[in-house]
């Protein structure tokens, strides 16, 4: 029983469960339709189609980890793709690559800005903005059409699409696991109040959730002059948070007020000269 509980707490439990569930579904449909389902060519087609949504899910992960929702991701993808078609006709490969990146950064910033400034739930904000982005998509499709030039089809065909997807997966994993912004995003999603008490500028990171690569650096941010270094943030969370930032309670100890508990950690780690910030 203890082994099962330990397995469920592992970070690979969810991945393994999805793999097993996928194999079960494949086996069921293969038995029901052996002639028309499950051939290697069909599986490769399914996987390449799923790459589009998987890459979009990489960006979505940064948002969901913070406890937010973004229902505009589909309209953002459509508008970005349509703009890439138009700018590729004008600037070639440079327009094809740069236009969707700039579009995604700007729309992600607008989503975060609307949420942090207007204080409207992210679900309502993103649903409303998705309708606006869809309207822009109509103008973009009328401007440049909806068909990409044949010379650029290599980016959507095997093996180049798989290579690009793998780069996106590893980049997002690196940001979340080995950078300051990843640590802060996980801390915000685990306990937003605790993250604020530790000096994390929560509104800033939620506002910039659409452009995480921009904040890939380890040196201190001037706007975060009161924020603890990443190592100290991990140390302060050590008693109540595991490395994966999953909340646990120490065994044999009654649960106390987390706010008071973490304020004590902040004062202890920063010293007397910083204590007045949290009084």
Protein backbone atom coordinates (compact mmCIF):
# COMPACT_ATOMS: atom_id res chain seq x y z
CA UNK A 1 0.00 0.00 0.00
CA UNK A 2 2.85 2.38 0.85
CA UNK A 3 4.52 1.55 -2.46
CA UNK A 4 1.34 2.52 -4.35
CA UNK A 5 1.08 5.83 -2.50
CA UNK A 6 4.72 6.56 -3.18
CA UNK A 7 4.23 5.77 -6.87
CA UNK A 8 1.23 8.12 -7.07
CA UNK A 9 3.34 10.95 -5.66
CA UNK A 10 6.01 10.47 -8.30
CA UNK A 11 6.25 13.10 -11.05
CA UNK A 12 6.20 10.30 -13.65
CA UNK A 13 2.94 8.75 -12.43
CA UNK A 14 0.78 10.98 -14.63
CA UNK A 15 2.96 10.39 -17.69
CA UNK A 16 2.89 6.63 -17.19
CA UNK A 17 -0.87 6.65 -16.68
CA UNK A 18 -1.42 8.51 -19.97
CA UNK A 19 0.85 6.10 -21.85
CA UNK A 20 -0.96 3.06 -20.46
CA UNK A 21 -4.37 4.63 -21.22
CA UNK A 22 -3.26 5.36 -24.79
CA UNK A 23 -2.11 1.77 -25.33
CA UNK A 24 -5.40 0.41 -23.95
CA UNK A 25 -7.45 2.62 -26.30
CA UNK A 26 -5.27 1.63 -29.25
CA UNK A 27 -5.69 -2.08 -28.43
CA UNK A 28 -9.48 -1.77 -28.14
CA UNK A 29 -9.92 -0.06 -31.51
CA UNK A 30 -7.36 -2.36 -33.13
CA UNK A 31 -9.42 -5.37 -32.08
CA UNK A 32 -12.68 -3.76 -33.23
CA UNK A 33 -11.35 -2.53 -36.61
CA UNK A 34 -8.13 -4.40 -37.43
CA UNK A 35 -8.35 -3.62 -41.17
CA UNK A 36 -8.76 0.15 -40.95
CA UNK A 37 -7.10 1.19 -37.68
CA UNK A 38 -3.68 1.04 -36.10
CA UNK A 39 -1.31 0.70 -39.05
CA UNK A 40 2.15 2.32 -38.65
CA UNK A 41 1.40 4.91 -41.36
CA UNK A 42 -1.83 5.93 -39.66
CA UNK A 43 -0.15 6.19 -36.25
CA UNK A 44 2.52 8.46 -37.72
CA UNK A 45 -0.19 10.66 -39.23
CA UNK A 46 -1.99 10.87 -35.87
CA UNK A 47 1.22 11.77 -34.07
CA UNK A 48 2.10 14.52 -36.53
CA UNK A 49 -1.39 16.00 -36.20
CA UNK A 50 -1.10 15.91 -32.41
CA UNK A 51 2.21 17.81 -32.50
CA UNK A 52 0.35 21.05 -33.30
CA UNK A 53 -1.73 20.83 -30.14
CA UNK A 54 1.19 19.54 -28.07
CA UNK A 55 3.36 22.53 -28.94
CA UNK A 56 0.47 24.86 -28.11
CA UNK A 57 0.09 22.99 -24.82
CA UNK A 58 3.68 23.91 -23.92
CA UNK A 59 2.71 27.56 -23.71
CA UNK A 60 -0.57 26.68 -22.03
CA UNK A 61 1.32 24.85 -19.28
CA UNK A 62 2.89 28.08 -18.01
CA UNK A 63 -0.59 29.55 -17.61
CA UNK A 64 -2.30 26.56 -16.00
CA UNK A 65 0.58 26.08 -13.55
CA UNK A 66 -0.20 29.53 -12.13
CA UNK A 67 -3.84 28.59 -11.62
CA UNK A 68 -5.13 30.52 -14.65
CA UNK A 69 -7.10 29.58 -17.76
CA UNK A 70 -6.61 30.70 -21.35
CA UNK A 71 -9.40 29.88 -23.78
CA UNK A 72 -7.97 32.17 -26.44
CA UNK A 73 -5.08 29.87 -27.35
CA UNK A 74 -6.89 28.47 -30.40
CA UNK A 75 -7.66 31.89 -31.86
CA UNK A 76 -4.10 33.04 -31.09
CA UNK A 77 -2.70 30.07 -33.03
CA UNK A 78 -5.00 30.71 -35.99
CA UNK A 79 -4.19 34.43 -36.17
CA UNK A 80 -0.46 33.78 -35.79
CA UNK A 81 -0.51 31.23 -38.62
CA UNK A 82 -2.48 33.51 -40.94
CA UNK A 83 -0.06 36.38 -40.30
CA UNK A 84 2.89 34.09 -40.98
CA UNK A 85 1.37 33.29 -44.39
CA UNK A 86 1.04 36.97 -45.25
CA UNK A 87 4.47 38.02 -44.03
CA UNK A 88 6.15 35.03 -45.70
CA UNK A 89 4.89 36.40 -49.00
CA UNK A 90 6.54 39.73 -48.19
CA UNK A 91 9.74 38.79 -46.33
CA UNK A 92 10.28 35.09 -47.02
CA UNK A 93 11.50 32.77 -44.27
CA UNK A 94 12.15 35.68 -41.89
CA UNK A 95 8.51 36.76 -42.05
CA UNK A 96 7.35 33.17 -41.74
CA UNK A 97 9.28 32.68 -38.47
CA UNK A 98 9.20 36.13 -36.86
CA UNK A 99 5.56 37.11 -37.51
CA UNK A 100 3.88 34.32 -35.48
CA UNK A 101 6.38 34.73 -32.62
CA UNK A 102 5.73 38.49 -32.36
CA UNK A 103 1.99 37.93 -32.67
CA UNK A 104 1.96 35.31 -29.92
CA UNK A 105 4.04 37.52 -27.60
CA UNK A 106 1.79 40.55 -28.11
CA UNK A 107 -1.49 38.67 -27.68
CA UNK A 108 -0.19 36.81 -24.64
CA UNK A 109 0.86 40.13 -23.12
CA UNK A 110 -2.59 41.64 -23.78
CA UNK A 111 -4.23 38.65 -22.10
CA UNK A 112 -2.07 38.99 -19.01
CA UNK A 113 -2.46 42.78 -18.93
CA UNK A 114 -6.27 42.53 -19.10
CA UNK A 115 -6.28 40.00 -16.27
CA UNK A 116 -3.96 41.90 -13.92
CA UNK A 117 -5.30 45.41 -14.60
CA UNK A 118 -9.04 44.76 -14.88
CA UNK A 119 -9.05 42.01 -12.22
CA UNK A 120 -11.51 39.98 -14.25
CA UNK A 121 -11.29 36.17 -13.99
CA UNK A 122 -8.93 34.77 -16.61
CA UNK A 123 -11.64 32.49 -18.02
CA UNK A 124 -13.93 35.43 -18.85
CA UNK A 125 -11.10 37.62 -20.14
CA UNK A 126 -9.70 35.02 -22.51
CA UNK A 127 -13.10 33.95 -23.85
CA UNK A 128 -13.91 37.58 -24.70
CA UNK A 129 -10.50 38.24 -26.24
CA UNK A 130 -10.70 35.05 -28.29
CA UNK A 131 -13.74 36.49 -30.10
CA UNK A 132 -11.74 39.63 -30.91
CA UNK A 133 -8.78 37.60 -32.16
CA UNK A 134 -11.09 35.51 -34.33
CA UNK A 135 -12.39 38.72 -35.91
CA UNK A 136 -8.82 39.77 -36.69
CA UNK A 137 -8.28 36.33 -38.25
CA UNK A 138 -11.02 37.03 -40.77
CA UNK A 139 -9.23 40.21 -41.91
CA UNK A 140 -5.90 38.35 -42.01
CA UNK A 141 -7.34 35.57 -44.18
CA UNK A 142 -8.84 38.11 -46.59
CA UNK A 143 -5.50 39.91 -46.76
CA UNK A 144 -3.16 37.03 -47.63
CA UNK A 145 -5.30 33.94 -48.02
CA UNK A 146 -5.09 30.70 -46.08
CA UNK A 147 -2.61 28.67 -48.12
CA UNK A 148 1.11 28.63 -47.37
CA UNK A 149 3.51 28.62 -50.28
CA UNK A 150 4.67 25.11 -51.19
CA UNK A 151 8.34 25.95 -50.64
CA UNK A 152 7.69 26.32 -46.89
CA UNK A 153 5.83 23.04 -46.42
CA UNK A 154 8.99 21.45 -45.02
CA UNK A 155 8.24 23.04 -41.63
CA UNK A 156 5.02 21.04 -41.38
CA UNK A 157 6.28 17.70 -42.68
CA UNK A 158 8.29 14.86 -41.16
CA UNK A 159 10.95 14.97 -39.76
CA UNK A 160 11.23 18.77 -39.42
CA UNK A 161 7.94 19.14 -37.52
CA UNK A 162 9.09 16.52 -35.00
CA UNK A 163 12.44 18.29 -34.53
CA UNK A 164 10.73 21.64 -33.92
CA UNK A 165 8.30 20.04 -31.46
CA UNK A 166 11.12 18.38 -29.51
CA UNK A 167 12.95 21.71 -29.30
CA UNK A 168 9.80 23.32 -27.88
CA UNK A 169 9.33 20.50 -25.34
CA UNK A 170 12.92 20.62 -24.06
CA UNK A 171 12.98 24.42 -23.97
CA UNK A 172 9.82 24.61 -21.85
CA UNK A 173 11.06 21.86 -19.57
CA UNK A 174 14.37 23.67 -19.10
CA UNK A 175 12.63 26.96 -18.27
CA UNK A 176 10.33 25.39 -15.70
CA UNK A 177 12.97 23.27 -14.00
CA UNK A 178 16.24 25.20 -14.17
CA UNK A 179 15.43 28.92 -14.29
CA UNK A 180 14.20 31.54 -11.85
CA UNK A 181 11.02 32.17 -13.81
CA UNK A 182 10.14 28.48 -13.66
CA UNK A 183 10.65 28.36 -9.90
CA UNK A 184 8.50 31.45 -9.40
CA UNK A 185 5.72 30.15 -11.68
CA UNK A 186 5.56 26.87 -9.77
CA UNK A 187 5.59 28.76 -6.47
CA UNK A 188 2.69 30.98 -7.59
CA UNK A 189 0.66 27.97 -8.66
CA UNK A 190 1.34 26.08 -5.43
CA UNK A 191 0.47 28.92 -3.05
CA UNK A 192 0.07 32.44 -4.38
CA UNK A 193 -0.06 34.03 -0.91
CA UNK A 194 3.17 32.35 0.12
CA UNK A 195 4.84 33.45 -3.12
CA UNK A 196 3.85 37.06 -2.40
CA UNK A 197 5.20 36.79 1.14
CA UNK A 198 8.50 35.52 -0.26
CA UNK A 199 8.80 38.67 -2.40
CA UNK A 200 7.64 37.33 -5.80
CA UNK A 201 5.90 39.96 -7.92
CA UNK A 202 2.89 37.78 -8.75
CA UNK A 203 1.11 40.27 -11.01
CA UNK A 204 4.24 40.75 -13.13
CA UNK A 205 4.68 37.05 -13.79
CA UNK A 206 1.00 36.58 -14.58
CA UNK A 207 1.12 39.56 -16.90
CA UNK A 208 4.10 38.09 -18.79
CA UNK A 209 2.82 34.51 -18.90
CA UNK A 210 2.57 34.69 -22.68
CA UNK A 211 6.30 35.35 -23.17
CA UNK A 212 8.34 33.24 -20.74
CA UNK A 213 11.52 33.14 -22.83
CA UNK A 214 11.93 36.90 -22.36
CA UNK A 215 12.73 36.36 -18.68
CA UNK A 216 15.34 33.64 -19.11
CA UNK A 217 18.03 34.93 -16.80
CA UNK A 218 19.47 34.20 -13.38
CA UNK A 219 20.67 37.65 -12.42
CA UNK A 220 18.38 39.61 -10.04
CA UNK A 221 15.58 41.62 -11.60
CA UNK A 222 15.60 45.33 -10.61
CA UNK A 223 11.84 45.16 -10.03
CA UNK A 224 12.31 42.17 -7.70
CA UNK A 225 14.74 43.86 -5.30
CA UNK A 226 12.95 42.32 -2.30
CA UNK A 227 12.65 38.84 -3.83
CA UNK A 228 14.70 36.01 -2.37
CA UNK A 229 17.24 34.20 -4.55
CA UNK A 230 16.03 30.94 -6.02
CA UNK A 231 18.10 28.84 -3.58
CA UNK A 232 16.60 30.65 -0.58
CA UNK A 233 13.11 30.28 -1.99
CA UNK A 234 13.65 26.52 -2.21
CA UNK A 235 15.09 26.49 1.33
CA UNK A 236 12.12 28.35 2.77
CA UNK A 237 9.72 25.95 1.06
CA UNK A 238 11.73 22.90 2.15
CA UNK A 239 9.61 22.04 5.17
CA UNK A 240 6.24 22.20 3.40
CA UNK A 241 7.12 21.77 -0.28
CA UNK A 242 8.87 18.91 -1.99
CA UNK A 243 11.21 19.48 -4.97
CA UNK A 244 8.24 19.27 -7.32
CA UNK A 245 6.56 22.01 -5.25
CA UNK A 246 3.78 19.65 -4.12
CA UNK A 247 2.33 20.70 -0.82
CA UNK A 248 2.77 18.21 2.06
CA UNK A 249 2.48 18.39 5.83
CA UNK A 250 5.31 17.25 8.07
CA UNK A 251 4.42 13.99 9.84
CA UNK A 252 3.54 14.09 13.54
CA UNK A 253 2.91 17.81 13.61
CA UNK A 254 -0.34 19.74 13.74
CA UNK A 255 -1.05 22.01 10.80
CA UNK A 256 -0.39 25.65 11.71
CA UNK A 257 -1.16 28.92 10.01
CA UNK A 258 0.97 28.84 6.82
CA UNK A 259 1.15 32.59 6.54
CA UNK A 260 2.68 33.06 9.98
CA UNK A 261 4.96 30.08 9.42
CA UNK A 262 6.40 31.44 6.17
CA UNK A 263 6.71 34.98 7.49
CA UNK A 264 8.96 33.51 10.18
CA UNK A 265 11.07 31.85 7.46
CA UNK A 266 11.33 35.12 5.52
CA UNK A 267 12.59 37.03 8.57
CA UNK A 268 15.04 34.26 9.43
CA UNK A 269 16.50 34.08 5.90
CA UNK A 270 16.65 37.80 5.16
CA UNK A 271 17.76 39.00 8.54
CA UNK A 272 16.54 41.92 10.70
CA UNK A 273 17.10 44.63 8.09
CA UNK A 274 14.42 43.16 5.77
CA UNK A 275 11.91 42.14 8.42
CA UNK A 276 10.01 45.46 8.32
CA UNK A 277 8.76 44.65 4.79
CA UNK A 278 6.50 41.91 6.16
CA UNK A 279 5.31 43.43 9.44
